[in-house]
PDB file of all heavy atoms in Angstrom:
ATOM      1  N   LEU A   1     -20.773 188.944 -57.782  1.00  0.00           N
ATOM      2  CA  LEU A   1     -20.097 188.544 -56.519  1.00  0.00           C
ATOM      3  C   LEU A   1     -18.464 188.304 -56.952  1.00  0.00           C
ATOM      4  O   LEU A   1     -17.572 188.802 -56.200  1.00  0.00           O
ATOM      5  CB  LEU A   1     -20.679 187.258 -56.025  1.00  0.00           C
ATOM      6  CG  LEU A   1     -21.973 187.478 -55.278  1.00  0.00           C
ATOM      7  CD1 LEU A   1     -22.656 186.197 -54.973  1.00  0.00           C
ATOM      8  CD2 LEU A   1     -21.902 188.356 -54.114  1.00  0.00           C
ATOM      9  N   LYS A   2     -18.284 187.670 -58.095  1.00  0.00           N
ATOM     10  CA  LYS A   2     -16.929 187.421 -58.582  1.00  0.00           C
ATOM     11  C   LYS A   2     -16.157 188.802 -58.845  1.00  0.00           C
ATOM     12  O   LYS A   2     -15.087 188.914 -58.600  1.00  0.00           O
ATOM     13  CB  LYS A   2     -16.876 186.532 -59.750  1.00  0.00           C
ATOM     14  CG  LYS A   2     -15.426 186.232 -60.193  1.00  0.00           C
ATOM     15  CD  LYS A   2     -15.485 185.275 -61.371  1.00  0.00           C
ATOM     16  CE  LYS A   2     -14.038 185.020 -61.840  1.00  0.00           C
ATOM     17  NZ  LYS A   2     -13.977 184.102 -63.062  1.00  0.00           N
ATOM     18  N   LYS A   3     -17.033 189.692 -59.403  1.00  0.00           N
ATOM     19  CA  LYS A   3     -16.458 191.039 -59.764  1.00  0.00           C
ATOM     20  C   LYS A   3     -15.979 191.685 -58.460  1.00  0.00           C
ATOM     21  O   LYS A   3     -15.004 192.414 -58.410  1.00  0.00           O
ATOM     22  CB  LYS A   3     -17.518 191.935 -60.474  1.00  0.00           C
ATOM     23  CG  LYS A   3     -16.990 193.187 -60.836  1.00  0.00           C
ATOM     24  CD  LYS A   3     -18.190 193.979 -61.538  1.00  0.00           C
ATOM     25  CE  LYS A   3     -17.737 195.445 -61.862  1.00  0.00           C
ATOM     26  NZ  LYS A   3     -18.900 196.126 -62.503  1.00  0.00           N
ATOM     27  N   ARG A   4     -16.660 191.371 -57.284  1.00  0.00           N
ATOM     28  CA  ARG A   4     -16.247 191.945 -55.979  1.00  0.00           C
ATOM     29  C   ARG A   4     -15.081 191.285 -55.335  1.00  0.00           C
ATOM     30  O   ARG A   4     -14.623 191.536 -54.274  1.00  0.00           O
ATOM     31  CB  ARG A   4     -17.451 191.940 -55.005  1.00  0.00           C
ATOM     32  CG  ARG A   4     -18.505 192.943 -55.307  1.00  0.00           C
ATOM     33  CD  ARG A   4     -19.769 192.702 -54.524  1.00  0.00           C
ATOM     34  NE  ARG A   4     -20.784 193.648 -54.743  1.00  0.00           N
ATOM     35  CZ  ARG A   4     -21.128 194.683 -53.990  1.00  0.00           C
ATOM     36  NH1 ARG A   4     -20.473 194.709 -52.620  1.00  0.00           N
ATOM     37  NH2 ARG A   4     -21.879 195.556 -54.227  1.00  0.00           N
ATOM     38  N   GLY A   5     -14.478 190.270 -56.106  1.00  0.00           N
ATOM     39  CA  GLY A   5     -13.405 189.621 -55.544  1.00  0.00           C
ATOM     40  C   GLY A   5     -13.632 188.371 -54.672  1.00  0.00           C
ATOM     41  O   GLY A   5     -12.656 187.711 -54.207  1.00  0.00           O
ATOM     42  N   LEU A   6     -14.834 187.941 -54.754  1.00  0.00           N
ATOM     43  CA  LEU A   6     -15.203 186.687 -53.952  1.00  0.00           C
ATOM     44  C   LEU A   6     -14.982 185.438 -54.802  1.00  0.00           C
ATOM     45  O   LEU A   6     -15.150 185.416 -56.024  1.00  0.00           O
ATOM     46  CB  LEU A   6     -16.715 186.785 -53.476  1.00  0.00           C
ATOM     47  CG  LEU A   6     -17.025 187.874 -52.501  1.00  0.00           C
ATOM     48  CD1 LEU A   6     -18.517 187.905 -52.300  1.00  0.00           C
ATOM     49  CD2 LEU A   6     -16.301 187.710 -51.246  1.00  0.00           C
ATOM     50  N   VAL A   7     -14.467 184.380 -54.144  1.00  0.00           N
ATOM     51  CA  VAL A   7     -14.580 183.062 -54.735  1.00  0.00           C
ATOM     52  C   VAL A   7     -15.822 182.416 -54.581  1.00  0.00           C
ATOM     53  O   VAL A   7     -16.290 182.155 -53.582  1.00  0.00           O
ATOM     54  CB  VAL A   7     -13.349 182.161 -54.092  1.00  0.00           C
ATOM     55  CG1 VAL A   7     -13.342 180.812 -54.840  1.00  0.00           C
ATOM     56  CG2 VAL A   7     -11.958 182.939 -54.241  1.00  0.00           C
ATOM     57  N   VAL A   8     -16.470 182.278 -55.783  1.00  0.00           N
ATOM     58  CA  VAL A   8     -17.914 181.845 -55.817  1.00  0.00           C
ATOM     59  C   VAL A   8     -18.041 180.392 -56.198  1.00  0.00           C
ATOM     60  O   VAL A   8     -17.471 180.073 -57.335  1.00  0.00           O
ATOM     61  CB  VAL A   8     -18.796 182.704 -56.831  1.00  0.00           C
ATOM     62  CG1 VAL A   8     -20.186 182.180 -56.760  1.00  0.00           C
ATOM     63  CG2 VAL A   8     -18.750 184.113 -56.446  1.00  0.00           C
ATOM     64  N   GLN A   9     -18.533 179.496 -55.378  1.00  0.00           N
ATOM     65  CA  GLN A   9     -18.793 178.071 -55.793  1.00  0.00           C
ATOM     66  C   GLN A   9     -20.134 177.969 -56.174  1.00  0.00           C
ATOM     67  O   GLN A   9     -21.059 178.170 -55.496  1.00  0.00           O
ATOM     68  CB  GLN A   9     -18.454 177.182 -54.609  1.00  0.00           C
ATOM     69  CG  GLN A   9     -18.751 175.668 -54.937  1.00  0.00           C
ATOM     70  CD  GLN A   9     -18.054 175.142 -56.151  1.00  0.00           C
ATOM     71  OE1 GLN A   9     -16.887 175.361 -56.272  1.00  0.00           O
ATOM     72  NE2 GLN A   9     -18.792 174.498 -56.973  1.00  0.00           N
ATOM     73  N   PRO A  10     -20.349 177.628 -57.614  1.00  0.00           N
ATOM     74  CA  PRO A  10     -21.715 177.400 -57.971  1.00  0.00           C
ATOM     75  C   PRO A  10     -22.193 176.052 -58.021  1.00  0.00           C
ATOM     76  O   PRO A  10     -21.505 175.058 -57.908  1.00  0.00           O
ATOM     77  CB  PRO A  10     -21.465 177.781 -59.542  1.00  0.00           C
ATOM     78  CG  PRO A  10     -20.115 177.352 -59.895  1.00  0.00           C
ATOM     79  CD  PRO A  10     -19.417 177.489 -58.531  1.00  0.00           C
ATOM     80  N   TYR A  11     -23.546 175.949 -57.874  1.00  0.00           N
ATOM     81  CA  TYR A  11     -24.272 174.610 -57.775  1.00  0.00           C
ATOM     82  C   TYR A  11     -25.537 174.737 -58.467  1.00  0.00           C
ATOM     83  O   TYR A  11     -26.217 175.866 -58.615  1.00  0.00           O
ATOM     84  CB  TYR A  11     -24.656 174.255 -56.284  1.00  0.00           C
ATOM     85  CG  TYR A  11     -23.378 173.999 -55.392  1.00  0.00           C
ATOM     86  CD1 TYR A  11     -22.851 175.006 -54.607  1.00  0.00           C
ATOM     87  CD2 TYR A  11     -22.832 172.667 -55.263  1.00  0.00           C
ATOM     88  CE1 TYR A  11     -21.794 174.729 -53.762  1.00  0.00           C
ATOM     89  CE2 TYR A  11     -21.875 172.402 -54.494  1.00  0.00           C
ATOM     90  CZ  TYR A  11     -21.216 173.471 -53.796  1.00  0.00           C
ATOM     91  OH  TYR A  11     -20.214 173.204 -52.984  1.00  0.00           O
ATOM     92  N   LYS A  12     -26.005 173.662 -59.014  1.00  0.00           N
ATOM     93  CA  LYS A  12     -27.345 173.569 -59.688  1.00  0.00           C
ATOM     94  C   LYS A  12     -28.107 172.339 -58.942  1.00  0.00           C
ATOM     95  O   LYS A  12     -27.729 171.235 -58.912  1.00  0.00           O
ATOM     96  CB  LYS A  12     -27.137 173.220 -61.210  1.00  0.00           C
ATOM     97  CG  LYS A  12     -28.360 172.886 -61.883  1.00  0.00           C
ATOM     98  CD  LYS A  12     -29.314 174.146 -62.006  1.00  0.00           C
ATOM     99  CE  LYS A  12     -30.561 173.768 -62.742  1.00  0.00           C
ATOM    100  NZ  LYS A  12     -31.624 174.789 -62.803  1.00  0.00           N
ATOM    101  N   ILE A  13     -29.354 172.666 -58.602  1.00  0.00           N
ATOM    102  CA  ILE A  13     -30.218 171.764 -58.121  1.00  0.00           C
ATOM    103  C   ILE A  13     -30.845 170.833 -59.297  1.00  0.00           C
ATOM    104  O   ILE A  13     -31.211 171.460 -60.198  1.00  0.00           O
ATOM    105  CB  ILE A  13     -31.336 172.271 -57.238  1.00  0.00           C
ATOM    106  CG1 ILE A  13     -30.743 172.844 -55.985  1.00  0.00           C
ATOM    107  CG2 ILE A  13     -32.466 171.211 -56.814  1.00  0.00           C
ATOM    108  CD1 ILE A  13     -31.754 173.681 -55.094  1.00  0.00           C
ATOM    109  N   GLY A  14     -30.845 169.581 -59.165  1.00  0.00           N
ATOM    110  CA  GLY A  14     -31.380 168.710 -60.133  1.00  0.00           C
ATOM    111  C   GLY A  14     -30.317 168.089 -61.069  1.00  0.00           C
ATOM    112  O   GLY A  14     -29.134 168.390 -60.892  1.00  0.00           O
ATOM    113  N   PRO A  15     -30.733 167.363 -62.096  1.00  0.00           N
ATOM    114  CA  PRO A  15     -29.907 166.627 -63.015  1.00  0.00           C
ATOM    115  C   PRO A  15     -29.370 167.391 -64.119  1.00  0.00           C
ATOM    116  O   PRO A  15     -28.649 166.788 -64.926  1.00  0.00           O
ATOM    117  CB  PRO A  15     -30.675 165.388 -63.325  1.00  0.00           C
ATOM    118  CG  PRO A  15     -32.038 166.061 -63.424  1.00  0.00           C
ATOM    119  CD  PRO A  15     -32.232 167.059 -62.285  1.00  0.00           C
ATOM    120  N   ASP A  16     -29.661 168.662 -64.279  1.00  0.00           N
ATOM    121  CA  ASP A  16     -29.257 169.372 -65.531  1.00  0.00           C
ATOM    122  C   ASP A  16     -27.893 169.548 -65.745  1.00  0.00           C
ATOM    123  O   ASP A  16     -27.072 169.686 -64.798  1.00  0.00           O
ATOM    124  CB  ASP A  16     -29.910 170.743 -65.423  1.00  0.00           C
ATOM    125  CG  ASP A  16     -29.533 171.669 -66.529  1.00  0.00           C
ATOM    126  OD1 ASP A  16     -29.856 171.245 -67.660  1.00  0.00           O
ATOM    127  OD2 ASP A  16     -29.077 172.753 -66.304  1.00  0.00           O
ATOM    128  N   PHE A  17     -27.474 169.524 -67.063  1.00  0.00           N
ATOM    129  CA  PHE A  17     -26.037 169.597 -67.420  1.00  0.00           C
ATOM    130  C   PHE A  17     -25.757 170.990 -67.970  1.00  0.00           C
ATOM    131  O   PHE A  17     -24.536 171.460 -67.971  1.00  0.00           O
ATOM    132  CB  PHE A  17     -25.662 168.608 -68.441  1.00  0.00           C
ATOM    133  CG  PHE A  17     -25.661 167.141 -68.060  1.00  0.00           C
ATOM    134  CD1 PHE A  17     -26.662 166.331 -68.508  1.00  0.00           C
ATOM    135  CD2 PHE A  17     -24.545 166.689 -67.358  1.00  0.00           C
ATOM    136  CE1 PHE A  17     -26.805 164.954 -68.026  1.00  0.00           C
ATOM    137  CE2 PHE A  17     -24.650 165.240 -66.904  1.00  0.00           C
ATOM    138  CZ  PHE A  17     -25.651 164.557 -67.209  1.00  0.00           C
ATOM    139  N   ILE A  18     -26.740 171.696 -68.466  1.00  0.00           N
ATOM    140  CA  ILE A  18     -26.404 172.983 -69.242  1.00  0.00           C
ATOM    141  C   ILE A  18     -26.253 174.142 -68.349  1.00  0.00           C
ATOM    142  O   ILE A  18     -25.301 174.851 -68.495  1.00  0.00           O
ATOM    143  CB  ILE A  18     -27.597 173.215 -70.265  1.00  0.00           C
ATOM    144  CG1 ILE A  18     -27.784 171.869 -71.175  1.00  0.00           C
ATOM    145  CG2 ILE A  18     -27.326 174.415 -71.024  1.00  0.00           C
ATOM    146  CD1 ILE A  18     -28.964 171.999 -72.117  1.00  0.00           C
ATOM    147  N   ASP A  19     -27.167 174.403 -67.347  1.00  0.00           N
ATOM    148  CA  ASP A  19     -26.976 175.499 -66.411  1.00  0.00           C
ATOM    149  C   ASP A  19     -25.597 175.466 -65.762  1.00  0.00           C
ATOM    150  O   ASP A  19     -24.793 176.453 -65.582  1.00  0.00           O
ATOM    151  CB  ASP A  19     -27.970 175.564 -65.507  1.00  0.00           C
ATOM    152  CG  ASP A  19     -29.358 176.109 -65.959  1.00  0.00           C
ATOM    153  OD1 ASP A  19     -29.270 176.874 -67.058  1.00  0.00           O
ATOM    154  OD2 ASP A  19     -30.424 175.785 -65.525  1.00  0.00           O
ATOM    155  N   PRO A  20     -25.099 174.303 -65.243  1.00  0.00           N
ATOM    156  CA  PRO A  20     -23.841 174.141 -64.607  1.00  0.00           C
ATOM    157  C   PRO A  20     -22.657 174.614 -65.558  1.00  0.00           C
ATOM    158  O   PRO A  20     -21.612 175.175 -65.159  1.00  0.00           O
ATOM    159  CB  PRO A  20     -23.720 172.707 -64.234  1.00  0.00           C
ATOM    160  CG  PRO A  20     -25.013 172.187 -63.997  1.00  0.00           C
ATOM    161  CD  PRO A  20     -25.780 172.934 -65.133  1.00  0.00           C
ATOM    162  N   SER A  21     -22.788 174.444 -66.873  1.00  0.00           N
ATOM    163  CA  SER A  21     -21.674 174.783 -67.758  1.00  0.00           C
ATOM    164  C   SER A  21     -21.534 176.389 -67.798  1.00  0.00           C
ATOM    165  O   SER A  21     -20.354 176.898 -68.005  1.00  0.00           O
ATOM    166  CB  SER A  21     -21.964 174.225 -69.231  1.00  0.00           C
ATOM    167  OG  SER A  21     -23.000 174.961 -69.917  1.00  0.00           O
ATOM    168  N   HIS A  22     -22.672 177.063 -67.717  1.00  0.00           N
ATOM    169  CA  HIS A  22     -22.688 178.517 -67.643  1.00  0.00           C
ATOM    170  C   HIS A  22     -22.017 178.895 -66.247  1.00  0.00           C
ATOM    171  O   HIS A  22     -21.296 179.884 -66.181  1.00  0.00           O
ATOM    172  CB  HIS A  22     -24.156 179.109 -67.765  1.00  0.00           C
ATOM    173  CG  HIS A  22     -24.552 178.884 -69.185  1.00  0.00           C
ATOM    174  ND1 HIS A  22     -24.380 179.792 -70.196  1.00  0.00           N
ATOM    175  CD2 HIS A  22     -25.250 177.948 -69.771  1.00  0.00           C
ATOM    176  CE1 HIS A  22     -24.897 179.434 -71.326  1.00  0.00           C
ATOM    177  NE2 HIS A  22     -25.474 178.252 -71.114  1.00  0.00           N
ATOM    178  N   HIS A  23     -22.527 178.310 -65.147  1.00  0.00           N
ATOM    179  CA  HIS A  23     -21.934 178.612 -63.924  1.00  0.00           C
ATOM    180  C   HIS A  23     -20.342 178.537 -63.836  1.00  0.00           C
ATOM    181  O   HIS A  23     -19.652 179.296 -63.408  1.00  0.00           O
ATOM    182  CB  HIS A  23     -22.462 177.630 -62.758  1.00  0.00           C
ATOM    183  CG  HIS A  23     -23.886 177.726 -62.599  1.00  0.00           C
ATOM    184  ND1 HIS A  23     -24.642 176.783 -61.875  1.00  0.00           N
ATOM    185  CD2 HIS A  23     -24.875 178.461 -63.136  1.00  0.00           C
ATOM    186  CE1 HIS A  23     -25.928 177.067 -62.024  1.00  0.00           C
ATOM    187  NE2 HIS A  23     -26.052 178.102 -62.634  1.00  0.00           N
ATOM    188  N   THR A  24     -19.873 177.350 -64.460  1.00  0.00           N
ATOM    189  CA  THR A  24     -18.479 177.102 -64.384  1.00  0.00           C
ATOM    190  C   THR A  24     -17.757 178.189 -65.207  1.00  0.00           C
ATOM    191  O   THR A  24     -16.669 178.705 -64.928  1.00  0.00           O
ATOM    192  CB  THR A  24     -18.262 175.809 -65.145  1.00  0.00           C
ATOM    193  OG1 THR A  24     -18.897 174.610 -64.333  1.00  0.00           O
ATOM    194  CG2 THR A  24     -16.739 175.478 -65.262  1.00  0.00           C
TER     195      THR A  24
END
């Protein structure tokens, strides 16, 4: 989606710290 030029806001359900670091 970012490659298509969209501004993507990521979220992670739950208390995890690691997946959000990849999203960011």
